[in-house]
Amino acid sequence: MTRIYLSIGSNIERDANLRSCIQQLHELFRPLTLSSVYRTRAVGFDGDDFYNMAVGLDSALPVEAVQACVRKIEDAHGRERLIGKYTSRPLDIDLLLYGDLKKHSGSLDVPRREILDHAFVLQPLSEIAPSLRHPETGQSIGEIWQSLDATGQPTRRIDFEFDLPLDEPAPG
């Protein structure tokens, strides 16, 4: 099993899309480790605020299959890929880390570069994996968070509940 971390964001029907996404991930990969949900401003464009969070999970699937699973979940929520990077979106799921894998080619960017730059990615990740070492820098996620100049990147933790049953790991 490989430990995997995802970043999830939404600024269209945020509550419903986050809940549905986590439910689908739970059905595929349970148990999940969930960060708090943070409200952040849109980056790179004027738009409604995002809800962002990080999720940890374990899977025996190859990285490409995990990537395909998250793309399928995004698509099911109405994600349009041809409209540009800096736009509103019902759901954005980024594969941040896949074990110690380092692969920056094609559609895979692992570890995801945004880990080092964006508070909306790093703060939730540091909440659930502070001692995890970044495969390229060797620093812990907590150390990277502490050293990030997040000026101009305000995040605000919000009360957000997920209704997930406590149960055994997913089949397979």
N, C-alpha and C. Protein backbone atom coordinates (compact mmCIF):
# COMPACT_ATOMS: atom_id res chain seq x y z
N MET A 1 0.84 -1.18 0.00
CA MET A 1 0.00 0.00 0.00
C MET A 1 0.88 1.24 0.00
N THR A 2 0.45 2.20 -0.75
CA THR A 2 1.16 3.48 -0.84
C THR A 2 0.32 4.55 -0.17
N ARG A 3 0.99 5.42 0.60
CA ARG A 3 0.30 6.55 1.23
C ARG A 3 0.21 7.67 0.21
N ILE A 4 -1.01 8.18 0.04
CA ILE A 4 -1.31 9.17 -0.99
C ILE A 4 -1.97 10.37 -0.31
N TYR A 5 -1.63 11.56 -0.80
CA TYR A 5 -2.26 12.78 -0.30
C TYR A 5 -2.84 13.57 -1.46
N LEU A 6 -4.06 14.04 -1.27
CA LEU A 6 -4.79 14.82 -2.27
C LEU A 6 -5.11 16.19 -1.70
N SER A 7 -5.20 17.16 -2.59
CA SER A 7 -5.72 18.48 -2.25
C SER A 7 -7.05 18.62 -2.97
N ILE A 8 -8.07 19.07 -2.26
CA ILE A 8 -9.41 19.17 -2.84
C ILE A 8 -9.91 20.59 -2.65
N GLY A 9 -10.45 21.17 -3.70
CA GLY A 9 -11.01 22.52 -3.61
C GLY A 9 -12.27 22.64 -4.44
N SER A 10 -13.11 23.61 -4.04
CA SER A 10 -14.35 23.89 -4.77
C SER A 10 -14.76 25.32 -4.49
N ASN A 11 -15.23 26.02 -5.55
CA ASN A 11 -15.85 27.33 -5.31
C ASN A 11 -17.19 27.46 -6.02
N ILE A 12 -17.74 26.35 -6.46
CA ILE A 12 -19.09 26.30 -7.01
C ILE A 12 -19.84 25.23 -6.22
N GLU A 13 -20.95 25.61 -5.59
CA GLU A 13 -21.70 24.68 -4.74
C GLU A 13 -20.75 23.92 -3.82
N ARG A 14 -19.94 24.70 -3.09
CA ARG A 14 -18.83 24.17 -2.30
C ARG A 14 -19.24 23.06 -1.33
N ASP A 15 -20.26 23.31 -0.53
CA ASP A 15 -20.65 22.32 0.49
C ASP A 15 -21.03 20.99 -0.15
N ALA A 16 -21.92 21.04 -1.11
CA ALA A 16 -22.41 19.81 -1.74
C ALA A 16 -21.29 19.08 -2.48
N ASN A 17 -20.45 19.81 -3.19
CA ASN A 17 -19.39 19.17 -3.96
C ASN A 17 -18.32 18.56 -3.07
N LEU A 18 -17.93 19.24 -1.99
CA LEU A 18 -16.95 18.64 -1.08
C LEU A 18 -17.51 17.39 -0.42
N ARG A 19 -18.75 17.47 0.05
CA ARG A 19 -19.35 16.30 0.70
C ARG A 19 -19.45 15.11 -0.26
N SER A 20 -19.90 15.37 -1.47
CA SER A 20 -20.04 14.30 -2.45
C SER A 20 -18.67 13.71 -2.82
N CYS A 21 -17.69 14.57 -3.00
CA CYS A 21 -16.34 14.10 -3.32
C CYS A 21 -15.79 13.20 -2.22
N ILE A 22 -15.90 13.63 -0.98
CA ILE A 22 -15.38 12.84 0.14
C ILE A 22 -16.14 11.52 0.26
N GLN A 23 -17.44 11.54 0.00
CA GLN A 23 -18.21 10.30 0.03
C GLN A 23 -17.70 9.33 -1.04
N GLN A 24 -17.45 9.83 -2.25
CA GLN A 24 -16.95 8.96 -3.32
C GLN A 24 -15.55 8.45 -3.01
N LEU A 25 -14.68 9.30 -2.49
CA LEU A 25 -13.34 8.84 -2.10
C LEU A 25 -13.44 7.80 -0.99
N HIS A 26 -14.35 8.00 -0.06
CA HIS A 26 -14.55 7.05 1.03
C HIS A 26 -14.98 5.68 0.50
N GLU A 27 -15.86 5.68 -0.48
CA GLU A 27 -16.32 4.41 -1.06
C GLU A 27 -15.18 3.68 -1.76
N LEU A 28 -14.23 4.41 -2.34
CA LEU A 28 -13.12 3.81 -3.08
C LEU A 28 -11.91 3.46 -2.22
N PHE A 29 -11.61 4.30 -1.23
CA PHE A 29 -10.31 4.22 -0.57
C PHE A 29 -10.35 4.21 0.96
N ARG A 30 -11.50 4.04 1.57
CA ARG A 30 -11.56 4.16 3.02
C ARG A 30 -10.56 3.24 3.73
N PRO A 31 -10.09 3.64 4.88
CA PRO A 31 -10.40 4.87 5.61
C PRO A 31 -9.62 6.07 5.05
N LEU A 32 -10.16 7.25 5.28
CA LEU A 32 -9.55 8.49 4.85
C LEU A 32 -9.09 9.28 6.07
N THR A 33 -8.03 10.05 5.87
CA THR A 33 -7.60 11.04 6.86
C THR A 33 -7.98 12.39 6.29
N LEU A 34 -8.83 13.13 7.00
CA LEU A 34 -9.34 14.40 6.50
C LEU A 34 -8.79 15.57 7.31
N SER A 35 -8.34 16.59 6.60
CA SER A 35 -7.98 17.84 7.27
C SER A 35 -9.24 18.63 7.56
N SER A 36 -9.05 19.74 8.24
CA SER A 36 -10.12 20.71 8.35
C SER A 36 -10.37 21.31 6.97
N VAL A 37 -11.48 22.00 6.83
CA VAL A 37 -11.79 22.72 5.59
C VAL A 37 -11.45 24.19 5.83
N TYR A 38 -10.80 24.77 4.82
CA TYR A 38 -10.36 26.17 4.90
C TYR A 38 -11.00 26.98 3.79
N ARG A 39 -11.39 28.19 4.14
CA ARG A 39 -11.94 29.12 3.15
C ARG A 39 -10.79 30.03 2.70
N THR A 40 -10.61 30.14 1.38
CA THR A 40 -9.53 30.94 0.82
C THR A 40 -10.03 31.71 -0.39
N ARG A 41 -9.34 32.78 -0.67
CA ARG A 41 -9.67 33.55 -1.88
C ARG A 41 -9.22 32.79 -3.11
N ALA A 42 -9.89 33.06 -4.22
CA ALA A 42 -9.48 32.50 -5.50
C ALA A 42 -8.09 33.04 -5.83
N VAL A 43 -7.22 32.20 -6.39
CA VAL A 43 -5.86 32.58 -6.76
C VAL A 43 -5.77 32.67 -8.28
N GLY A 44 -5.33 33.82 -8.76
CA GLY A 44 -5.11 33.98 -10.20
C GLY A 44 -6.30 34.50 -10.98
N PHE A 45 -7.43 34.70 -10.30
CA PHE A 45 -8.62 35.22 -10.99
C PHE A 45 -9.60 35.74 -9.94
N ASP A 46 -10.53 36.58 -10.39
CA ASP A 46 -11.59 37.05 -9.51
C ASP A 46 -12.72 36.02 -9.53
N GLY A 47 -13.03 35.51 -8.39
CA GLY A 47 -14.10 34.52 -8.30
C GLY A 47 -14.49 34.32 -6.85
N ASP A 48 -15.53 33.53 -6.64
CA ASP A 48 -15.97 33.22 -5.29
C ASP A 48 -14.86 32.51 -4.52
N ASP A 49 -14.88 32.65 -3.19
CA ASP A 49 -13.90 31.97 -2.35
C ASP A 49 -14.00 30.46 -2.53
N PHE A 50 -12.88 29.80 -2.31
CA PHE A 50 -12.80 28.34 -2.36
C PHE A 50 -12.90 27.75 -0.97
N TYR A 51 -13.39 26.53 -0.90
CA TYR A 51 -13.22 25.67 0.26
C TYR A 51 -12.12 24.69 -0.15
N ASN A 52 -11.09 24.57 0.67
CA ASN A 52 -9.96 23.69 0.39
C ASN A 52 -9.70 22.77 1.57
N MET A 53 -9.18 21.59 1.27
CA MET A 53 -8.83 20.61 2.30
C MET A 53 -7.82 19.63 1.73
N ALA A 54 -7.25 18.83 2.61
CA ALA A 54 -6.35 17.74 2.19
C ALA A 54 -6.92 16.43 2.68
N VAL A 55 -6.60 15.37 1.94
CA VAL A 55 -7.07 14.02 2.29
C VAL A 55 -5.89 13.07 2.16
N GLY A 56 -5.74 12.21 3.15
CA GLY A 56 -4.75 11.13 3.09
C GLY A 56 -5.47 9.81 2.94
N LEU A 57 -4.88 8.92 2.15
CA LEU A 57 -5.46 7.60 1.94
C LEU A 57 -4.36 6.63 1.55
N ASP A 58 -4.67 5.35 1.61
CA ASP A 58 -3.73 4.30 1.20
C ASP A 58 -4.35 3.52 0.06
N SER A 59 -3.50 3.14 -0.90
CA SER A 59 -3.99 2.35 -2.02
C SER A 59 -2.86 1.53 -2.63
N ALA A 60 -3.23 0.39 -3.18
CA ALA A 60 -2.29 -0.44 -3.92
C ALA A 60 -2.33 -0.12 -5.41
N LEU A 61 -3.23 0.79 -5.81
CA LEU A 61 -3.33 1.15 -7.23
C LEU A 61 -2.09 1.90 -7.69
N PRO A 62 -1.69 1.69 -8.95
CA PRO A 62 -0.59 2.50 -9.49
C PRO A 62 -1.00 3.97 -9.58
N VAL A 63 -0.02 4.85 -9.61
CA VAL A 63 -0.29 6.29 -9.59
C VAL A 63 -1.23 6.72 -10.72
N GLU A 64 -1.06 6.14 -11.89
CA GLU A 64 -1.91 6.51 -13.02
C GLU A 64 -3.37 6.14 -12.77
N ALA A 65 -3.60 5.03 -12.10
CA ALA A 65 -4.97 4.62 -11.79
C ALA A 65 -5.58 5.53 -10.73
N VAL A 66 -4.80 5.96 -9.75
CA VAL A 66 -5.30 6.90 -8.75
C VAL A 66 -5.67 8.21 -9.43
N GLN A 67 -4.77 8.67 -10.32
CA GLN A 67 -5.04 9.91 -11.07
C GLN A 67 -6.33 9.77 -11.88
N ALA A 68 -6.53 8.63 -12.52
CA ALA A 68 -7.75 8.41 -13.30
C ALA A 68 -8.99 8.42 -12.40
N CYS A 69 -8.89 7.86 -11.21
CA CYS A 69 -10.02 7.85 -10.27
C CYS A 69 -10.41 9.27 -9.88
N VAL A 70 -9.42 10.10 -9.56
CA VAL A 70 -9.77 11.46 -9.13
C VAL A 70 -10.29 12.29 -10.30
N ARG A 71 -9.78 12.06 -11.50
CA ARG A 71 -10.30 12.77 -12.68
C ARG A 71 -11.76 12.37 -12.93
N LYS A 72 -12.07 11.11 -12.73
CA LYS A 72 -13.45 10.63 -12.91
C LYS A 72 -14.39 11.29 -11.91
N ILE A 73 -13.93 11.45 -10.66
CA ILE A 73 -14.75 12.13 -9.65
C ILE A 73 -14.94 13.59 -10.04
N GLU A 74 -13.88 14.26 -10.48
CA GLU A 74 -14.00 15.65 -10.93
C GLU A 74 -15.01 15.76 -12.08
N ASP A 75 -14.88 14.87 -13.06
CA ASP A 75 -15.78 14.89 -14.21
C ASP A 75 -17.24 14.70 -13.80
N ALA A 76 -17.47 13.80 -12.84
CA ALA A 76 -18.83 13.54 -12.37
C ALA A 76 -19.44 14.77 -11.70
N HIS A 77 -18.60 15.69 -11.27
CA HIS A 77 -19.06 16.92 -10.62
C HIS A 77 -19.08 18.11 -11.59
N GLY A 78 -18.93 17.83 -12.88
CA GLY A 78 -19.05 18.88 -13.88
C GLY A 78 -17.78 19.66 -14.16
N ARG A 79 -16.63 19.11 -13.84
CA ARG A 79 -15.36 19.79 -14.10
C ARG A 79 -15.14 19.89 -15.60
N GLU A 80 -14.87 21.10 -16.06
CA GLU A 80 -14.56 21.34 -17.47
C GLU A 80 -13.08 21.68 -17.57
N ARG A 81 -12.32 20.88 -18.31
CA ARG A 81 -10.87 21.04 -18.38
C ARG A 81 -10.41 22.01 -19.47
N LEU A 82 -11.24 22.33 -20.40
CA LEU A 82 -10.81 23.15 -21.54
C LEU A 82 -11.02 24.64 -21.33
N ILE A 83 -11.46 25.05 -20.16
CA ILE A 83 -11.79 26.47 -19.97
C ILE A 83 -10.70 27.26 -19.27
N GLY A 84 -9.54 26.67 -19.02
CA GLY A 84 -8.43 27.40 -18.44
C GLY A 84 -8.16 27.02 -17.00
N LYS A 85 -6.93 27.31 -16.57
CA LYS A 85 -6.48 26.94 -15.23
C LYS A 85 -7.08 27.83 -14.16
N TYR A 86 -7.19 29.11 -14.43
CA TYR A 86 -7.62 30.07 -13.41
C TYR A 86 -9.08 30.44 -13.61
N THR A 87 -9.96 29.51 -13.23
CA THR A 87 -11.40 29.72 -13.34
C THR A 87 -12.10 29.07 -12.15
N SER A 88 -13.34 29.46 -11.95
CA SER A 88 -14.15 28.80 -10.93
C SER A 88 -14.34 27.34 -11.33
N ARG A 89 -14.53 26.50 -10.32
CA ARG A 89 -14.72 25.08 -10.61
C ARG A 89 -15.52 24.40 -9.51
N PRO A 90 -16.36 23.46 -9.93
CA PRO A 90 -17.13 22.73 -8.93
C PRO A 90 -16.24 21.84 -8.06
N LEU A 91 -15.17 21.31 -8.66
CA LEU A 91 -14.30 20.42 -7.92
C LEU A 91 -12.93 20.38 -8.58
N ASP A 92 -11.90 20.50 -7.77
CA ASP A 92 -10.52 20.41 -8.23
C ASP A 92 -9.81 19.46 -7.27
N ILE A 93 -9.34 18.33 -7.77
CA ILE A 93 -8.62 17.35 -6.96
C ILE A 93 -7.22 17.21 -7.53
N ASP A 94 -6.23 17.55 -6.72
CA ASP A 94 -4.84 17.43 -7.15
C ASP A 94 -4.15 16.33 -6.35
N LEU A 95 -3.45 15.47 -7.07
CA LEU A 95 -2.64 14.43 -6.46
C LEU A 95 -1.34 15.10 -5.99
N LEU A 96 -1.22 15.29 -4.68
CA LEU A 96 -0.06 16.00 -4.12
C LEU A 96 1.15 15.09 -3.97
N LEU A 97 0.95 13.96 -3.33
CA LEU A 97 2.03 13.03 -3.03
C LEU A 97 1.55 11.59 -3.24
N TYR A 98 2.42 10.79 -3.80
CA TYR A 98 2.16 9.36 -3.98
C TYR A 98 3.40 8.66 -3.43
N GLY A 99 3.36 8.37 -2.13
CA GLY A 99 4.55 7.82 -1.48
C GLY A 99 5.73 8.76 -1.69
N ASP A 100 6.86 8.19 -2.06
CA ASP A 100 8.07 8.98 -2.32
C ASP A 100 8.28 9.23 -3.82
N LEU A 101 7.26 8.95 -4.63
CA LEU A 101 7.40 9.09 -6.08
C LEU A 101 7.75 10.52 -6.49
N LYS A 102 8.67 10.62 -7.45
CA LYS A 102 9.03 11.90 -8.06
C LYS A 102 8.85 11.74 -9.56
N LYS A 103 7.81 12.34 -10.10
CA LYS A 103 7.53 12.22 -11.53
C LYS A 103 6.87 13.50 -12.02
N HIS A 104 7.55 14.20 -12.91
CA HIS A 104 7.04 15.45 -13.47
C HIS A 104 7.04 15.31 -15.00
N SER A 105 6.04 14.58 -15.49
CA SER A 105 5.93 14.40 -16.93
C SER A 105 4.48 14.09 -17.29
N GLY A 106 4.11 14.48 -18.51
CA GLY A 106 2.75 14.24 -18.95
C GLY A 106 1.75 14.89 -18.01
N SER A 107 0.74 14.14 -17.62
CA SER A 107 -0.29 14.68 -16.73
C SER A 107 0.06 14.50 -15.25
N LEU A 108 1.22 13.91 -14.97
CA LEU A 108 1.61 13.69 -13.58
C LEU A 108 2.64 14.72 -13.13
N ASP A 109 2.36 15.33 -12.01
CA ASP A 109 3.27 16.28 -11.38
C ASP A 109 3.30 15.92 -9.90
N VAL A 110 4.16 14.94 -9.56
CA VAL A 110 4.21 14.40 -8.21
C VAL A 110 5.66 14.40 -7.73
N PRO A 111 5.99 15.01 -6.60
CA PRO A 111 5.09 15.76 -5.74
C PRO A 111 4.63 17.05 -6.41
N ARG A 112 3.42 17.41 -6.12
CA ARG A 112 2.81 18.60 -6.73
C ARG A 112 3.56 19.85 -6.29
N ARG A 113 3.92 20.68 -7.24
CA ARG A 113 4.73 21.88 -6.96
C ARG A 113 4.02 22.86 -6.03
N GLU A 114 2.69 22.90 -6.06
CA GLU A 114 1.93 23.82 -5.23
C GLU A 114 2.14 23.60 -3.73
N ILE A 115 2.63 22.42 -3.35
CA ILE A 115 2.90 22.16 -1.93
C ILE A 115 3.84 23.22 -1.36
N LEU A 116 4.79 23.66 -2.16
CA LEU A 116 5.81 24.58 -1.68
C LEU A 116 5.40 26.04 -1.76
N ASP A 117 4.30 26.35 -2.45
CA ASP A 117 3.97 27.74 -2.74
C ASP A 117 2.66 28.26 -2.17
N HIS A 118 1.66 27.41 -2.02
CA HIS A 118 0.32 27.88 -1.74
C HIS A 118 -0.18 27.45 -0.37
N ALA A 119 -0.56 28.44 0.44
CA ALA A 119 -1.08 28.16 1.78
C ALA A 119 -2.32 27.28 1.72
N PHE A 120 -3.17 27.45 0.70
CA PHE A 120 -4.41 26.66 0.63
C PHE A 120 -4.13 25.18 0.42
N VAL A 121 -2.94 24.83 -0.05
CA VAL A 121 -2.53 23.43 -0.19
C VAL A 121 -1.75 23.00 1.05
N LEU A 122 -0.78 23.80 1.44
CA LEU A 122 0.16 23.42 2.48
C LEU A 122 -0.44 23.39 3.87
N GLN A 123 -1.29 24.35 4.22
CA GLN A 123 -1.84 24.36 5.58
C GLN A 123 -2.66 23.11 5.88
N PRO A 124 -3.62 22.73 5.01
CA PRO A 124 -4.37 21.50 5.32
C PRO A 124 -3.47 20.25 5.31
N LEU A 125 -2.50 20.20 4.39
CA LEU A 125 -1.60 19.05 4.34
C LEU A 125 -0.76 18.97 5.61
N SER A 126 -0.28 20.12 6.09
CA SER A 126 0.54 20.11 7.31
C SER A 126 -0.29 19.71 8.53
N GLU A 127 -1.59 19.92 8.46
CA GLU A 127 -2.47 19.52 9.57
C GLU A 127 -2.53 18.01 9.72
N ILE A 128 -2.55 17.27 8.59
CA ILE A 128 -2.70 15.82 8.66
C ILE A 128 -1.39 15.05 8.48
N ALA A 129 -0.32 15.73 8.03
CA ALA A 129 0.95 15.02 7.80
C ALA A 129 2.15 15.92 8.12
N PRO A 130 2.20 16.50 9.32
CA PRO A 130 3.26 17.46 9.61
C PRO A 130 4.67 16.87 9.58
N SER A 131 4.84 15.61 9.93
CA SER A 131 6.18 15.02 9.99
C SER A 131 6.58 14.33 8.69
N LEU A 132 5.67 14.23 7.74
CA LEU A 132 5.98 13.61 6.46
C LEU A 132 7.06 14.42 5.75
N ARG A 133 8.04 13.74 5.16
CA ARG A 133 9.13 14.39 4.45
C ARG A 133 8.78 14.56 2.98
N HIS A 134 9.01 15.76 2.47
CA HIS A 134 8.80 16.05 1.05
C HIS A 134 9.85 15.26 0.27
N PRO A 135 9.46 14.49 -0.74
CA PRO A 135 10.39 13.63 -1.46
C PRO A 135 11.54 14.37 -2.16
N GLU A 136 11.35 15.63 -2.47
CA GLU A 136 12.41 16.36 -3.19
C GLU A 136 13.22 17.27 -2.28
N THR A 137 12.60 17.94 -1.32
CA THR A 137 13.34 18.88 -0.47
C THR A 137 13.91 18.21 0.78
N GLY A 138 13.29 17.11 1.21
CA GLY A 138 13.71 16.45 2.43
C GLY A 138 13.18 17.10 3.69
N GLN A 139 12.56 18.26 3.57
CA GLN A 139 11.97 18.94 4.73
C GLN A 139 10.65 18.29 5.09
N SER A 140 10.28 18.41 6.36
CA SER A 140 8.96 17.93 6.74
C SER A 140 7.91 18.91 6.24
N ILE A 141 6.71 18.41 6.04
CA ILE A 141 5.61 19.27 5.60
C ILE A 141 5.38 20.37 6.64
N GLY A 142 5.48 20.04 7.92
CA GLY A 142 5.34 21.04 8.98
C GLY A 142 6.40 22.13 8.89
N GLU A 143 7.65 21.75 8.59
CA GLU A 143 8.72 22.74 8.44
C GLU A 143 8.46 23.64 7.24
N ILE A 144 8.00 23.06 6.16
CA ILE A 144 7.71 23.86 4.96
C ILE A 144 6.60 24.85 5.28
N TRP A 145 5.56 24.39 5.99
CA TRP A 145 4.45 25.28 6.36
C TRP A 145 4.95 26.42 7.24
N GLN A 146 5.77 26.10 8.23
CA GLN A 146 6.27 27.12 9.15
C GLN A 146 7.14 28.16 8.43
N SER A 147 7.83 27.76 7.36
CA SER A 147 8.73 28.69 6.66
C SER A 147 8.04 29.42 5.50
N LEU A 148 6.82 29.03 5.15
CA LEU A 148 6.12 29.68 4.04
C LEU A 148 5.71 31.10 4.41
N ASP A 149 6.03 32.04 3.54
CA ASP A 149 5.53 33.39 3.72
C ASP A 149 4.13 33.42 3.12
N ALA A 150 3.13 33.30 3.98
CA ALA A 150 1.74 33.22 3.53
C ALA A 150 1.08 34.60 3.50
N THR A 151 1.89 35.65 3.53
CA THR A 151 1.35 37.00 3.44
C THR A 151 0.58 37.11 2.12
N GLY A 152 -0.62 37.61 2.19
CA GLY A 152 -1.42 37.72 0.98
C GLY A 152 -2.15 36.44 0.61
N GLN A 153 -2.01 35.38 1.43
CA GLN A 153 -2.70 34.12 1.19
C GLN A 153 -3.52 33.73 2.42
N PRO A 154 -4.47 34.55 2.82
CA PRO A 154 -5.21 34.23 4.04
C PRO A 154 -6.05 32.96 3.90
N THR A 155 -6.01 32.16 4.94
CA THR A 155 -6.86 30.97 5.02
C THR A 155 -7.62 31.07 6.33
N ARG A 156 -8.85 30.58 6.30
CA ARG A 156 -9.67 30.60 7.51
C ARG A 156 -10.34 29.26 7.67
N ARG A 157 -10.02 28.58 8.77
CA ARG A 157 -10.65 27.29 9.05
C ARG A 157 -12.13 27.53 9.32
N ILE A 158 -12.95 26.67 8.73
CA ILE A 158 -14.39 26.80 8.92
C ILE A 158 -14.94 25.52 9.55
N ASP A 159 -16.09 25.63 10.18
CA ASP A 159 -16.77 24.45 10.70
C ASP A 159 -17.41 23.72 9.52
N PHE A 160 -17.05 22.47 9.35
CA PHE A 160 -17.56 21.70 8.23
C PHE A 160 -17.59 20.25 8.68
N GLU A 161 -18.74 19.62 8.57
CA GLU A 161 -18.91 18.24 9.01
C GLU A 161 -19.13 17.33 7.80
N PHE A 162 -18.53 16.14 7.87
CA PHE A 162 -18.77 15.11 6.88
C PHE A 162 -19.49 13.97 7.58
N ASP A 163 -20.48 13.41 6.93
CA ASP A 163 -21.25 12.32 7.50
C ASP A 163 -20.75 11.01 6.91
N LEU A 164 -19.67 10.49 7.52
CA LEU A 164 -19.09 9.23 7.04
C LEU A 164 -19.24 8.18 8.12
N PRO A 165 -19.68 6.99 7.74
CA PRO A 165 -19.78 5.92 8.74
C PRO A 165 -18.39 5.44 9.14
N LEU A 166 -18.26 5.02 10.38
CA LEU A 166 -17.01 4.40 10.83
C LEU A 166 -17.11 2.93 10.43
N ASP A 167 -16.23 2.53 9.54
CA ASP A 167 -16.32 1.15 9.07
C ASP A 167 -14.95 0.64 8.66
N GLU A 168 -14.92 -0.56 8.17
CA GLU A 168 -13.68 -1.21 7.80
C GLU A 168 -13.13 -0.66 6.48
N PRO A 169 -11.87 -0.98 6.16
CA PRO A 169 -11.30 -0.49 4.91
C PRO A 169 -12.10 -0.92 3.68
N ALA A 170 -11.91 -0.18 2.60
CA ALA A 170 -12.60 -0.48 1.34
C ALA A 170 -12.18 -1.85 0.83
N PRO A 171 -13.07 -2.52 0.11
CA PRO A 171 -12.74 -3.81 -0.46
C PRO A 171 -11.66 -3.67 -1.52
N GLY A 172 -10.82 -4.68 -1.65
CA GLY A 172 -9.79 -4.69 -2.70
C GLY A 172 -8.60 -4.00 -2.26
